[in-house]
C-alpha atoms as a PDB file:
ATOM      1  CA  MET A   1       0.000   0.000   0.000  1.00  0.00           C
ATOM      2  CA  LEU A   2       1.464   3.348  -1.059  1.00  0.00           C
ATOM      3  CA  GLY A   3       1.467   6.228   1.403  1.00  0.00           C
ATOM      4  CA  ARG A   4      -1.474   8.419   0.485  1.00  0.00           C
ATOM      5  CA  HIS A   5       0.128  11.787   1.140  1.00  0.00           C
ATOM      6  CA  VAL A   6       3.565  10.907  -0.263  1.00  0.00           C
ATOM      7  CA  GLU A   7       2.305   9.506  -3.543  1.00  0.00           C
ATOM      8  CA  PHE A   8       0.414  12.690  -4.428  1.00  0.00           C
ATOM      9  CA  SER A   9       2.863  15.362  -3.254  1.00  0.00           C
ATOM     10  CA  ASP A  10       4.934  15.394  -6.465  1.00  0.00           C
ATOM     11  CA  ALA A  11       1.777  15.212  -8.585  1.00  0.00           C
ATOM     12  CA  ILE A  12       0.302  18.194  -6.747  1.00  0.00           C
ATOM     13  CA  THR A  13       3.448  20.259  -7.323  1.00  0.00           C
ATOM     14  CA  ARG A  14       3.670  19.303 -10.988  1.00  0.00           C
ATOM     15  CA  THR A  15       0.032  20.142 -11.709  1.00  0.00           C
ATOM     16  CA  HIS A  16       0.162  23.374  -9.701  1.00  0.00           C
ATOM     17  CA  ASP A  17       3.168  24.583 -11.684  1.00  0.00           C
ATOM     18  CA  LYS A  18       1.473  23.748 -14.999  1.00  0.00           C
ATOM     19  CA  ILE A  19      -1.729  25.579 -14.079  1.00  0.00           C
ATOM     20  CA  VAL A  20      -0.272  28.776 -12.623  1.00  0.00           C
ATOM     21  CA  ALA A  21       2.024  29.181 -15.633  1.00  0.00           C
ATOM     22  CA  THR A  22      -1.033  29.353 -17.908  1.00  0.00           C
ATOM     23  CA  GLN A  23      -2.326  32.626 -19.319  1.00  0.00           C
ATOM     24  CA  ILE A  24      -6.041  33.424 -19.110  1.00  0.00           C
ATOM     25  CA  GLU A  25      -7.694  33.578 -22.527  1.00  0.00           C
ATOM     26  CA  GLY A  26     -10.439  36.123 -23.182  1.00  0.00           C
ATOM     27  CA  PHE A  27     -12.664  34.792 -25.951  1.00  0.00           C
ATOM     28  CA  ALA A  28     -16.305  35.076 -24.750  1.00  0.00           C
ATOM     29  CA  VAL A  29     -15.395  34.688 -21.075  1.00  0.00           C
ATOM     30  CA  PRO A  30     -12.098  34.311 -19.216  1.00  0.00           C
ATOM     31  CA  HIS A  31     -10.896  30.702 -19.372  1.00  0.00           C
ATOM     32  CA  ILE A  32      -7.757  28.608 -19.336  1.00  0.00           C
ATOM     33  CA  VAL A  33      -6.753  25.491 -21.260  1.00  0.00           C
ATOM     34  CA  VAL A  34      -3.914  23.389 -19.852  1.00  0.00           C
ATOM     35  CA  ASP A  35      -2.680  20.418 -21.854  1.00  0.00           C
ATOM     36  CA  ASP A  36      -0.843  17.493 -20.215  1.00  0.00           C
ATOM     37  CA  VAL A  37      -1.952  18.812 -16.837  1.00  0.00           C
ATOM     38  CA  LEU A  38      -1.399  15.403 -15.199  1.00  0.00           C
ATOM     39  CA  SER A  39       1.616  13.169 -15.523  1.00  0.00           C
ATOM     40  CA  PRO A  40       1.165  10.170 -17.858  1.00  0.00           C
ATOM     41  CA  GLY A  41       1.325   7.907 -14.804  1.00  0.00           C
ATOM     42  CA  MET A  42      -1.499   9.768 -13.098  1.00  0.00           C
ATOM     43  CA  VAL A  43      -3.677   9.595 -16.212  1.00  0.00           C
ATOM     44  CA  GLU A  44      -3.075   5.856 -16.356  1.00  0.00           C
ATOM     45  CA  ARG A  45      -4.051   5.433 -12.709  1.00  0.00           C
ATOM     46  CA  VAL A  46      -7.244   7.486 -13.088  1.00  0.00           C
ATOM     47  CA  ASN A  47      -8.408   5.293 -15.938  1.00  0.00           C
ATOM     48  CA  ALA A  48      -7.203   2.026 -14.415  1.00  0.00           C
ATOM     49  CA  ASN A  49      -9.205   2.793 -11.260  1.00  0.00           C
ATOM     50  CA  TRP A  50     -12.269   4.200 -13.016  1.00  0.00           C
ATOM     51  CA  PRO A  51     -15.251   2.963 -10.971  1.00  0.00           C
ATOM     52  CA  GLY A  52     -17.514   0.291 -12.335  1.00  0.00           C
ATOM     53  CA  PRO A  53     -20.900   1.083 -13.888  1.00  0.00           C
ATOM     54  CA  LYS A  54     -22.828   0.454 -10.648  1.00  0.00           C
ATOM     55  CA  ALA A  55     -21.348   3.651  -9.177  1.00  0.00           C
ATOM     56  CA  PHE A  56     -22.863   5.806 -11.930  1.00  0.00           C
ATOM     57  CA  GLY A  57     -26.364   7.174 -12.347  1.00  0.00           C
ATOM     58  CA  PRO A  58     -28.035   8.906 -15.313  1.00  0.00           C
ATOM     59  CA  GLU A  59     -27.721  12.675 -15.689  1.00  0.00           C
ATOM     60  CA  MET A  60     -29.131  13.149 -19.196  1.00  0.00           C
ATOM     61  CA  PRO A  61     -29.591  10.858 -22.196  1.00  0.00           C
ATOM     62  CA  GLY A  62     -26.254   9.205 -22.870  1.00  0.00           C
ATOM     63  CA  ASN A  63     -24.369  10.728 -19.932  1.00  0.00           C
ATOM     64  CA  PHE A  64     -23.818   9.078 -16.552  1.00  0.00           C
ATOM     65  CA  ILE A  65     -22.232  10.596 -13.461  1.00  0.00           C
ATOM     66  CA  PHE A  66     -20.818   9.640 -10.079  1.00  0.00           C
ATOM     67  CA  HIS A  67     -20.799  12.421  -7.472  1.00  0.00           C
ATOM     68  CA  MET A  68     -17.887  11.424  -5.264  1.00  0.00           C
ATOM     69  CA  TYR A  69     -19.353  12.343  -1.892  1.00  0.00           C
ATOM     70  CA  GLN A  70     -17.391  10.945   1.020  1.00  0.00           C
ATOM     71  CA  ARG A  71     -20.544   9.143   2.113  1.00  0.00           C
ATOM     72  CA  ASP A  72     -20.615   7.348  -1.262  1.00  0.00           C
ATOM     73  CA  TYR A  73     -17.121   5.873  -1.215  1.00  0.00           C
ATOM     74  CA  GLY A  74     -18.813   2.542  -0.594  1.00  0.00           C
ATOM     75  CA  LYS A  75     -19.971   2.477  -4.209  1.00  0.00           C
ATOM     76  CA  MET A  76     -16.391   1.687  -5.223  1.00  0.00           C
ATOM     77  CA  SER A  77     -14.322  -1.441  -4.781  1.00  0.00           C
ATOM     78  CA  ASP A  78     -11.560  -1.542  -2.154  1.00  0.00           C
ATOM     79  CA  ALA A  79      -8.896  -1.106  -4.851  1.00  0.00           C
ATOM     80  CA  GLU A  80     -10.728   1.862  -6.384  1.00  0.00           C
ATOM     81  CA  ARG A  81     -11.133   3.526  -2.992  1.00  0.00           C
ATOM     82  CA  GLU A  82      -7.415   3.135  -2.329  1.00  0.00           C
ATOM     83  CA  PHE A  83      -6.788   5.492  -5.232  1.00  0.00           C
ATOM     84  CA  TRP A  84      -9.837   7.762  -5.236  1.00  0.00           C
ATOM     85  CA  VAL A  85     -10.067   8.710  -1.545  1.00  0.00           C
ATOM     86  CA  PRO A  86      -6.684  10.501  -1.451  1.00  0.00           C
ATOM     87  CA  PHE A  87      -7.213  11.790  -4.991  1.00  0.00           C
ATOM     88  CA  ASN A  88     -10.534  13.335  -3.929  1.00  0.00           C
ATOM     89  CA  GLU A  89      -9.364  14.680  -0.577  1.00  0.00           C
ATOM     90  CA  GLN A  90      -5.767  15.665  -1.334  1.00  0.00           C
ATOM     91  CA  PHE A  91      -4.999  16.017  -5.039  1.00  0.00           C
ATOM     92  CA  TRP A  92      -8.288  17.423  -6.366  1.00  0.00           C
ATOM     93  CA  PRO A  93      -8.630  20.263  -3.810  1.00  0.00           C
ATOM     94  CA  ALA A  94      -5.022  21.261  -4.546  1.00  0.00           C
ATOM     95  CA  MET A  95      -5.729  21.372  -8.276  1.00  0.00           C
ATOM     96  CA  ILE A  96      -8.863  23.468  -7.728  1.00  0.00           C
ATOM     97  CA  ALA A  97      -6.906  25.833  -5.471  1.00  0.00           C
ATOM     98  CA  SER A  98      -4.324  26.289  -8.238  1.00  0.00           C
ATOM     99  CA  CYS A  99      -7.128  27.220 -10.644  1.00  0.00           C
ATOM    100  CA  ALA A 100      -8.497  29.683  -8.088  1.00  0.00           C
ATOM    101  CA  GLN A 101      -5.059  31.282  -7.819  1.00  0.00           C
ATOM    102  CA  VAL A 102      -5.018  31.917 -11.568  1.00  0.00           C
ATOM    103  CA  PHE A 103      -8.496  33.453 -11.515  1.00  0.00           C
ATOM    104  CA  SER A 104      -8.039  35.244  -8.175  1.00  0.00           C
ATOM    105  CA  PRO A 105      -7.614  38.772  -9.632  1.00  0.00           C
ATOM    106  CA  ILE A 106     -11.024  38.360 -11.269  1.00  0.00           C
ATOM    107  CA  LEU A 107     -12.637  36.694  -8.259  1.00  0.00           C
ATOM    108  CA  LYS A 108     -11.474  39.556  -6.046  1.00  0.00           C
ATOM    109  CA  VAL A 109     -13.337  42.072  -8.202  1.00  0.00           C
ATOM    110  CA  VAL A 110     -16.436  39.946  -8.803  1.00  0.00           C
ATOM    111  CA  PHE A 111     -16.922  38.609  -5.268  1.00  0.00           C
ATOM    112  CA  ASP A 112     -14.982  41.129  -3.139  1.00  0.00           C
ATOM    113  CA  ASP A 113     -13.630  39.253  -0.099  1.00  0.00           C
ATOM    114  CA  LEU A 114     -16.092  36.350  -0.275  1.00  0.00           C
ATOM    115  CA  SER A 115     -13.829  34.126  -2.374  1.00  0.00           C
ATOM    116  CA  GLU A 116     -11.058  34.391   0.229  1.00  0.00           C
ATOM    117  CA  GLN A 117     -13.385  33.550   3.113  1.00  0.00           C
ATOM    118  CA  HIS A 118     -16.114  31.275   1.721  1.00  0.00           C
ATOM    119  CA  PHE A 119     -14.512  29.237  -1.062  1.00  0.00           C
ATOM    120  CA  GLY A 120     -15.379  25.602  -1.775  1.00  0.00           C
ATOM    121  CA  LEU A 121     -17.030  23.148  -4.163  1.00  0.00           C
ATOM    122  CA  ASP A 122     -20.734  23.206  -4.973  1.00  0.00           C
ATOM    123  CA  TRP A 123     -21.181  19.476  -5.570  1.00  0.00           C
ATOM    124  CA  PRO A 124     -18.158  17.225  -5.141  1.00  0.00           C
ATOM    125  CA  LEU A 125     -15.700  15.956  -7.712  1.00  0.00           C
ATOM    126  CA  THR A 126     -17.934  14.361 -10.354  1.00  0.00           C
ATOM    127  CA  LEU A 127     -16.919  11.578 -12.716  1.00  0.00           C
ATOM    128  CA  ALA A 128     -18.845  11.594 -15.999  1.00  0.00           C
ATOM    129  CA  GLN A 129     -18.900   9.115 -18.851  1.00  0.00           C
ATOM    130  CA  GLY A 130     -20.853   8.965 -22.085  1.00  0.00           C
ATOM    131  CA  THR A 131     -22.553   6.327 -24.197  1.00  0.00           C
ATOM    132  CA  PRO A 132     -23.490   6.244 -27.918  1.00  0.00           C
ATOM    133  CA  GLU A 133     -26.799   7.968 -27.029  1.00  0.00           C
ATOM    134  CA  TYR A 134     -25.065  11.176 -25.864  1.00  0.00           C
ATOM    135  CA  ARG A 135     -25.989  14.106 -28.108  1.00  0.00           C
ATOM    136  CA  GLY A 136     -24.417  17.057 -26.330  1.00  0.00           C
ATOM    137  CA  VAL A 137     -25.895  19.927 -24.303  1.00  0.00           C
ATOM    138  CA  ASN A 138     -27.779  22.947 -25.631  1.00  0.00           C
ATOM    139  CA  VAL A 139     -26.495  26.494 -25.228  1.00  0.00           C
ATOM    140  CA  HIS A 140     -26.784  27.548 -21.586  1.00  0.00           C
ATOM    141  CA  THR A 141     -25.163  29.264 -18.630  1.00  0.00           C
ATOM    142  CA  HIS A 142     -25.133  28.252 -14.980  1.00  0.00           C
ATOM    143  CA  PHE A 143     -25.916  31.733 -13.718  1.00  0.00           C
ATOM    144  CA  TRP A 144     -29.713  31.388 -13.755  1.00  0.00           C
ATOM    145  CA  HIS A 145     -29.510  28.824 -10.935  1.00  0.00           C
ATOM    146  CA  ALA A 146     -26.027  29.390  -9.450  1.00  0.00           C
ATOM    147  CA  PRO A 147     -24.868  33.027  -9.605  1.00  0.00           C
ATOM    148  CA  HIS A 148     -22.472  32.261  -6.739  1.00  0.00           C
ATOM    149  CA  TRP A 149     -20.412  29.808  -8.822  1.00  0.00           C
ATOM    150  CA  ALA A 150     -16.879  31.045  -9.410  1.00  0.00           C
ATOM    151  CA  PHE A 151     -15.704  28.710 -12.165  1.00  0.00           C
ATOM    152  CA  THR A 152     -16.369  25.342 -13.790  1.00  0.00           C
ATOM    153  CA  VAL A 153     -13.620  22.732 -14.180  1.00  0.00           C
ATOM    154  CA  LEU A 154     -13.556  20.031 -16.856  1.00  0.00           C
ATOM    155  CA  LEU A 155     -10.668  17.565 -17.130  1.00  0.00           C
ATOM    156  CA  TYR A 156     -10.832  15.367 -20.222  1.00  0.00           C
ATOM    157  CA  ILE A 157      -9.149  12.192 -19.136  1.00  0.00           C
ATOM    158  CA  ASP A 158      -9.485   9.143 -21.411  1.00  0.00           C
ATOM    159  CA  PRO A 159      -6.466   8.476 -23.708  1.00  0.00           C
ATOM    160  CA  ALA A 160      -8.505   5.903 -25.616  1.00  0.00           C
ATOM    161  CA  ASP A 161     -11.073   8.545 -26.598  1.00  0.00           C
ATOM    162  CA  THR A 162      -9.885  10.865 -29.353  1.00  0.00           C
ATOM    163  CA  LEU A 163     -13.340  11.310 -30.889  1.00  0.00           C
ATOM    164  CA  SER A 164     -15.642  12.900 -28.314  1.00  0.00           C
ATOM    165  CA  SER A 165     -16.729  16.515 -28.651  1.00  0.00           C
ATOM    166  CA  GLY A 166     -15.433  19.252 -26.406  1.00  0.00           C
ATOM    167  CA  THR A 167     -17.065  22.394 -25.015  1.00  0.00           C
ATOM    168  CA  ALA A 168     -18.018  25.385 -27.169  1.00  0.00           C
ATOM    169  CA  LEU A 169     -17.786  28.933 -25.835  1.00  0.00           C
ATOM    170  CA  HIS A 170     -20.198  31.362 -27.507  1.00  0.00           C
ATOM    171  CA  ARG A 171     -19.495  35.034 -28.022  1.00  0.00           C
ATOM    172  CA  ILE A 172     -22.363  37.475 -28.416  1.00  0.00           C
ATOM    173  CA  GLY A 173     -22.464  38.565 -32.038  1.00  0.00           C
ATOM    174  CA  GLY A 174     -21.837  42.145 -33.034  1.00  0.00           C
ATOM    175  CA  ARG A 175     -19.375  42.979 -30.266  1.00  0.00           C
ATOM    176  CA  SER A 176     -16.213  44.867 -31.180  1.00  0.00           C
ATOM    177  CA  GLY A 177     -13.998  42.872 -28.836  1.00  0.00           C
ATOM    178  CA  GLU A 178     -13.573  39.228 -27.886  1.00  0.00           C
ATOM    179  CA  SER A 179     -15.266  39.438 -24.489  1.00  0.00           C
ATOM    180  CA  ASN A 180     -18.987  39.083 -23.815  1.00  0.00           C
ATOM    181  CA  TYR A 181     -18.620  41.612 -21.012  1.00  0.00           C
ATOM    182  CA  ALA A 182     -18.765  45.256 -22.040  1.00  0.00           C
ATOM    183  CA  LEU A 183     -20.140  48.429 -20.507  1.00  0.00           C
ATOM    184  CA  ASP A 184     -20.837  50.315 -23.737  1.00  0.00           C
ATOM    185  CA  ASP A 185     -24.348  48.874 -24.142  1.00  0.00           C
ATOM    186  CA  LEU A 186     -25.140  47.533 -20.702  1.00  0.00           C
ATOM    187  CA  ASP A 187     -28.940  47.512 -21.087  1.00  0.00           C
ATOM    188  CA  GLU A 188     -28.710  45.333 -24.219  1.00  0.00           C
ATOM    189  CA  THR A 189     -26.225  43.023 -22.512  1.00  0.00           C
ATOM    190  CA  VAL A 190     -28.528  42.606 -19.511  1.00  0.00           C
ATOM    191  CA  MET A 191     -31.451  41.802 -21.801  1.00  0.00           C
ATOM    192  CA  ILE A 192     -29.431  39.119 -23.617  1.00  0.00           C
ATOM    193  CA  ALA A 193     -28.163  37.615 -20.364  1.00  0.00           C
ATOM    194  CA  MET A 194     -31.679  37.311 -18.936  1.00  0.00           C
ATOM    195  CA  ASP A 195     -33.341  36.127 -22.159  1.00  0.00           C
ATOM    196  CA  GLN A 196     -32.569  32.423 -21.886  1.00  0.00           C
ATOM    197  CA  LEU A 197     -34.902  31.485 -24.732  1.00  0.00           C
ATOM    198  CA  ARG A 198     -32.552  33.247 -27.186  1.00  0.00           C
ATOM    199  CA  TRP A 199     -29.368  31.430 -26.219  1.00  0.00           C
ATOM    200  CA  GLU A 200     -29.753  28.679 -28.798  1.00  0.00           C
ATOM    201  CA  GLU A 201     -30.331  31.363 -31.419  1.00  0.00           C
ATOM    202  CA  LEU A 202     -27.196  33.129 -30.219  1.00  0.00           C
ATOM    203  CA  GLY A 203     -25.316  29.872 -30.525  1.00  0.00           C
ATOM    204  CA  ARG A 204     -26.150  29.659 -34.218  1.00  0.00           C
ATOM    205  CA  GLN A 205     -25.473  33.289 -35.014  1.00  0.00           C
ATOM    206  CA  SER A 206     -22.467  34.193 -32.883  1.00  0.00           C
ATOM    207  CA  PRO A 207     -18.825  33.165 -33.190  1.00  0.00           C
ATOM    208  CA  MET A 208     -17.808  30.208 -31.086  1.00  0.00           C
ATOM    209  CA  ASN A 209     -14.588  28.582 -29.992  1.00  0.00           C
ATOM    210  CA  ILE A 210     -14.592  24.843 -29.339  1.00  0.00           C
ATOM    211  CA  ILE A 211     -12.264  23.611 -26.632  1.00  0.00           C
ATOM    212  CA  SER A 212     -11.727  20.206 -28.188  1.00  0.00           C
ATOM    213  CA  TYR A 213     -11.898  17.000 -26.213  1.00  0.00           C
ATOM    214  CA  LYS A 214      -8.238  16.108 -25.878  1.00  0.00           C
ATOM    215  CA  PRO A 215      -7.078  13.531 -23.322  1.00  0.00           C
ATOM    216  CA  ASN A 216      -5.356  15.087 -20.287  1.00  0.00           C
ATOM    217  CA  ARG A 217      -6.629  18.566 -21.174  1.00  0.00           C
ATOM    218  CA  LEU A 218      -7.897  20.820 -18.384  1.00  0.00           C
ATOM    219  CA  PHE A 219     -10.494  23.434 -19.320  1.00  0.00           C
ATOM    220  CA  VAL A 220     -11.550  25.964 -16.681  1.00  0.00           C
ATOM    221  CA  MET A 221     -14.214  28.566 -17.458  1.00  0.00           C
ATOM    222  CA  LEU A 222     -15.137  31.569 -15.340  1.00  0.00           C
ATOM    223  CA  ASP A 223     -18.829  31.238 -14.539  1.00  0.00           C
ATOM    224  CA  GLY A 224     -21.106  34.257 -14.722  1.00  0.00           C
ATOM    225  CA  PRO A 225     -24.139  35.768 -16.464  1.00  0.00           C
ATOM    226  CA  LEU A 226     -22.554  35.567 -19.936  1.00  0.00           C
ATOM    227  CA  ALA A 227     -20.600  32.306 -19.689  1.00  0.00           C
ATOM    228  CA  ILE A 228     -22.642  30.960 -22.616  1.00  0.00           C
ATOM    229  CA  HIS A 229     -21.473  27.486 -23.604  1.00  0.00           C
ATOM    230  CA  SER A 230     -22.605  24.171 -25.026  1.00  0.00           C
ATOM    231  CA  VAL A 231     -21.470  20.738 -26.080  1.00  0.00           C
ATOM    232  CA  ARG A 232     -22.190  20.759 -29.782  1.00  0.00           C
ATOM    233  CA  SER A 233     -23.667  17.913 -31.761  1.00  0.00           C
ATOM    234  CA  GLY A 234     -22.230  19.580 -34.838  1.00  0.00           C
ATOM    235  CA  PRO A 235     -18.885  19.367 -36.642  1.00  0.00           C
ATOM    236  CA  GLU A 236     -16.867  17.771 -33.848  1.00  0.00           C
ATOM    237  CA  SER A 237     -19.317  15.125 -32.714  1.00  0.00           C
ATOM    238  CA  THR A 238     -20.099  13.088 -35.799  1.00  0.00           C
ATOM    239  CA  ARG A 239     -22.142   9.910 -35.484  1.00  0.00           C
ATOM    240  CA  LYS A 240     -18.910   7.883 -35.600  1.00  0.00           C
ATOM    241  CA  ALA A 241     -17.412   9.947 -32.801  1.00  0.00           C
ATOM    242  CA  ILE A 242     -20.501   9.585 -30.618  1.00  0.00           C
ATOM    243  CA  SER A 243     -20.562   5.838 -31.212  1.00  0.00           C
ATOM    244  CA  ASN A 244     -16.925   5.301 -30.284  1.00  0.00           C
ATOM    245  CA  GLY A 245     -16.135   7.965 -27.677  1.00  0.00           C
ATOM    246  CA  ARG A 246     -16.499   7.188 -23.968  1.00  0.00           C
ATOM    247  CA  ARG A 247     -16.146  10.885 -23.049  1.00  0.00           C
ATOM    248  CA  ARG A 248     -14.747  10.376 -19.570  1.00  0.00           C
ATOM    249  CA  VAL A 249     -14.556  13.716 -17.768  1.00  0.00           C
ATOM    250  CA  LEU A 250     -13.652  14.848 -14.249  1.00  0.00           C
ATOM    251  CA  ARG A 251     -15.883  17.812 -13.424  1.00  0.00           C
ATOM    252  CA  CYS A 252     -16.608  20.228 -10.610  1.00  0.00           C
ATOM    253  CA  HIS A 253     -17.959  23.705  -9.892  1.00  0.00           C
ATOM    254  CA  ALA A 254     -16.094  26.022  -7.529  1.00  0.00           C
ATOM    255  CA  LYS A 255     -18.151  28.563  -5.611  1.00  0.00           C
ATOM    256  CA  VAL A 256     -18.384  31.126  -2.927  1.00  0.00           C
ATOM    257  CA  HIS A 257     -20.883  29.852  -0.376  1.00  0.00           C
ATOM    258  CA  HIS A 258     -24.416  30.852  -1.360  1.00  0.00           C
ATOM    259  CA  ALA A 259     -25.529  32.191   2.040  1.00  0.00           C
ATOM    260  CA  PRO A 260     -23.051  35.105   2.343  1.00  0.00           C
ATOM    261  CA  PHE A 261     -23.352  35.747  -1.394  1.00  0.00           C
ATOM    262  CA  TYR A 262     -27.129  36.206  -1.277  1.00  0.00           C
ATOM    263  CA  ASP A 263     -26.928  38.100   2.025  1.00  0.00           C
ATOM    264  CA  GLU A 264     -24.545  40.597   0.469  1.00  0.00           C
ATOM    265  CA  HIS A 265     -26.767  41.118  -2.572  1.00  0.00           C
ATOM    266  CA  ALA A 266     -29.897  41.428  -0.459  1.00  0.00           C
ATOM    267  CA  ARG A 267     -28.122  44.266   1.334  1.00  0.00           C
ATOM    268  CA  ARG A 268     -27.128  45.908  -1.956  1.00  0.00           C
ATOM    269  CA  LEU A 269     -30.594  45.536  -3.487  1.00  0.00           C
ATOM    270  CA  GLY A 270     -32.401  46.620  -0.325  1.00  0.00           C
ATOM    271  CA  VAL A 271     -34.894  43.736  -0.505  1.00  0.00           C
ATOM    272  CA  PRO A 272     -35.019  40.096   0.657  1.00  0.00           C
ATOM    273  CA  PHE A 273     -33.099  38.078  -1.932  1.00  0.00           C
ATOM    274  CA  GLY A 274     -32.468  34.350  -1.700  1.00  0.00           C
ATOM    275  CA  PRO A 275     -31.667  31.332  -3.870  1.00  0.00           C
ATOM    276  CA  HIS A 276     -35.103  29.704  -3.844  1.00  0.00           C
ATOM    277  CA  GLU A 277     -36.969  32.757  -5.127  1.00  0.00           C
ATOM    278  CA  TYR A 278     -34.210  33.641  -7.555  1.00  0.00           C
ATOM    279  CA  THR A 279     -34.077  30.219  -9.223  1.00  0.00           C
ATOM    280  CA  ARG A 280     -37.885  29.963  -9.285  1.00  0.00           C
ATOM    281  CA  LEU A 281     -38.215  33.286 -11.078  1.00  0.00           C
ATOM    282  CA  MET A 282     -35.306  32.649 -13.460  1.00  0.00           C
ATOM    283  CA  ASP A 283     -36.249  29.086 -14.360  1.00  0.00           C
ATOM    284  CA  TRP A 284     -36.337  28.519 -18.120  1.00  0.00           C
ATOM    285  CA  GLY A 285     -39.974  27.444 -18.064  1.00  0.00           C
ATOM    286  CA  ALA A 286     -41.249  29.995 -15.564  1.00  0.00           C
ATOM    287  CA  LYS A 287     -44.600  31.600 -16.468  1.00  0.00           C
ATOM    288  CA  LEU A 288     -44.653  34.803 -14.450  1.00  0.00           C
ATOM    289  CA  GLU A 289     -47.242  37.475 -13.826  1.00  0.00           C
ATOM    290  CA  GLY A 290     -48.136  40.084 -11.226  1.00  0.00           C
ATOM    291  CA  ASP A 291     -45.662  40.592  -8.385  1.00  0.00           C
ATOM    292  CA  ASP A 292     -43.339  37.837  -9.639  1.00  0.00           C
ATOM    293  CA  LEU A 293     -42.972  39.496 -13.032  1.00  0.00           C
ATOM    294  CA  LYS A 294     -42.462  42.889 -11.409  1.00  0.00           C
ATOM    295  CA  PHE A 295     -39.764  41.487  -9.091  1.00  0.00           C
ATOM    296  CA  ARG A 296     -37.961  39.861 -12.013  1.00  0.00           C
ATOM    297  CA  ASP A 297     -38.103  42.973 -14.167  1.00  0.00           C
ATOM    298  CA  THR A 298     -36.954  45.313 -11.413  1.00  0.00           C
ATOM    299  CA  VAL A 299     -34.935  43.643  -8.652  1.00  0.00           C
ATOM    300  CA  ILE A 300     -33.430  40.754 -10.618  1.00  0.00           C
ATOM    301  CA  ARG A 301     -32.707  43.033 -13.571  1.00  0.00           C
ATOM    302  CA  ARG A 302     -30.782  45.335 -11.223  1.00  0.00           C
ATOM    303  CA  PHE A 303     -28.927  42.287  -9.905  1.00  0.00           C
ATOM    304  CA  TYR A 304     -27.925  41.259 -13.430  1.00  0.00           C
ATOM    305  CA  ARG A 305     -26.881  44.794 -14.265  1.00  0.00           C
ATOM    306  CA  GLU A 306     -24.611  45.035 -11.218  1.00  0.00           C
ATOM    307  CA  ARG A 307     -23.158  41.564 -11.824  1.00  0.00           C
ATOM    308  CA  ILE A 308     -22.397  42.193 -15.498  1.00  0.00           C
ATOM    309  CA  ALA A 309     -20.755  45.518 -14.642  1.00  0.00           C
ATOM    310  CA  SER A 310     -18.592  43.740 -12.036  1.00  0.00           C
ATOM    311  CA  TYR A 311     -17.533  41.033 -14.493  1.00  0.00           C
ATOM    312  CA  ALA A 312     -16.757  43.708 -17.099  1.00  0.00           C
ATOM    313  CA  GLN A 313     -14.565  45.546 -14.583  1.00  0.00           C
ATOM    314  CA  ALA A 314     -12.808  42.308 -13.692  1.00  0.00           C
ATOM    315  CA  CYS A 315     -12.127  41.432 -17.318  1.00  0.00           C
ATOM    316  CA  ALA A 316     -10.763  44.914 -17.986  1.00  0.00           C
ATOM    317  CA  ALA A 317      -8.450  44.583 -14.976  1.00  0.00           C
ATOM    318  CA  LEU A 318      -6.813  41.462 -16.431  1.00  0.00           C
ATOM    319  CA  SER A 319      -4.466  43.615 -18.476  1.00  0.00           C
ATOM    320  CA  ARG A 320      -3.094  45.192 -15.306  1.00  0.00           C
ATOM    321  CA  PRO A 321      -0.505  43.250 -13.273  1.00  0.00           C
ATOM    322  CA  GLY A 322      -0.854  42.282  -9.634  1.00  0.00           C
ATOM    323  CA  GLY A 323      -3.631  41.124  -7.346  1.00  0.00           C
ATOM    324  CA  THR A 324      -2.980  37.370  -7.391  1.00  0.00           C
ATOM    325  CA  ILE A 325      -3.925  35.482  -4.227  1.00  0.00           C
ATOM    326  CA  GLY A 326      -1.825  32.435  -3.309  1.00  0.00           C
ATOM    327  CA  SER A 327      -3.341  28.975  -3.723  1.00  0.00           C
ATOM    328  CA  ASP A 328      -2.877  28.222  -0.002  1.00  0.00           C
ATOM    329  CA  VAL A 329      -5.801  30.560   0.814  1.00  0.00           C
ATOM    330  CA  PHE A 330      -8.105  28.465  -1.360  1.00  0.00           C
ATOM    331  CA  LEU A 331      -6.510  25.099  -0.560  1.00  0.00           C
ATOM    332  CA  ARG A 332      -7.207  25.345   3.157  1.00  0.00           C
ATOM    333  CA  GLN A 333     -10.894  25.993   2.520  1.00  0.00           C
ATOM    334  CA  ALA A 334     -11.234  23.402  -0.254  1.00  0.00           C
ATOM    335  CA  ARG A 335      -9.750  20.621   1.875  1.00  0.00           C
ATOM    336  CA  GLU A 336     -11.790  21.560   4.923  1.00  0.00           C
ATOM    337  CA  ARG A 337     -14.962  21.499   2.829  1.00  0.00           C
ATOM    338  CA  VAL A 338     -14.628  18.314   0.756  1.00  0.00           C
ATOM    339  CA  PRO A 339     -18.298  17.356   0.311  1.00  0.00           C
END
């Protein structure tokens, strides 16, 4: 039996150094792409210890997931647990903390001090795998149900899969720059961000950049009101690719804790403001009238306007040096709060 802490210490250092040396890219929303983020030996171990099918449950047609809660370690075999428990509790939080360090100048602007005090994962490390029935995911953001999410992490992991489709980032058409966040027409930007029924239309009409599915590629996307993305069923994911790709992915969503986030925005808005009402009113299928419609068109619109302005400020600040927060600030919280 290998020592759990010793076996991951070199891997943590290697991955940290790869991530923090990466430059943030600005197309659509801030994001990073890190190739060969794990050592070849680590990739081999992840796939060799991939849990059996009984650990996974359906998420959508053709995609199955295993939320690696500590309480669910029993879904794995003894040999699988020997690898995944320290990976989940030691390696993965360190990798997420390294990502947070890279994005920390943005997080500081967008969330003020909350990211330094209330950082963690919303859902645990999630293992995902596809089947021939998988047909991708329509254009969407996470903001309508999780405005407190900081960033989304996808690690494409299967060396045997060179055919699966990656993730497409969508830029709003007609903008002069690369970023979706701009202050020159804030009212129009707010309208687009809140109009979820138009996102598929935007996906067809706006430029997009596909972060291809490449084994051992880390893709981290800043979440927010204009982090418009999809998994396309188009040019990358041909029928042959869907039939042969397993699309194994390690996934998670980093957050600031929802309670202080909503408390802070309730104070700013001057009205009670919480996650249950927000998600109910912003749900894609919501049919609103009366006070609900008024609240959405006044309070929530002000919330979107303030959030988009904050993200625009943060993106503009990327060109200025300084402001990085060390990964140790995030690592302590991530390890204390492994779900």
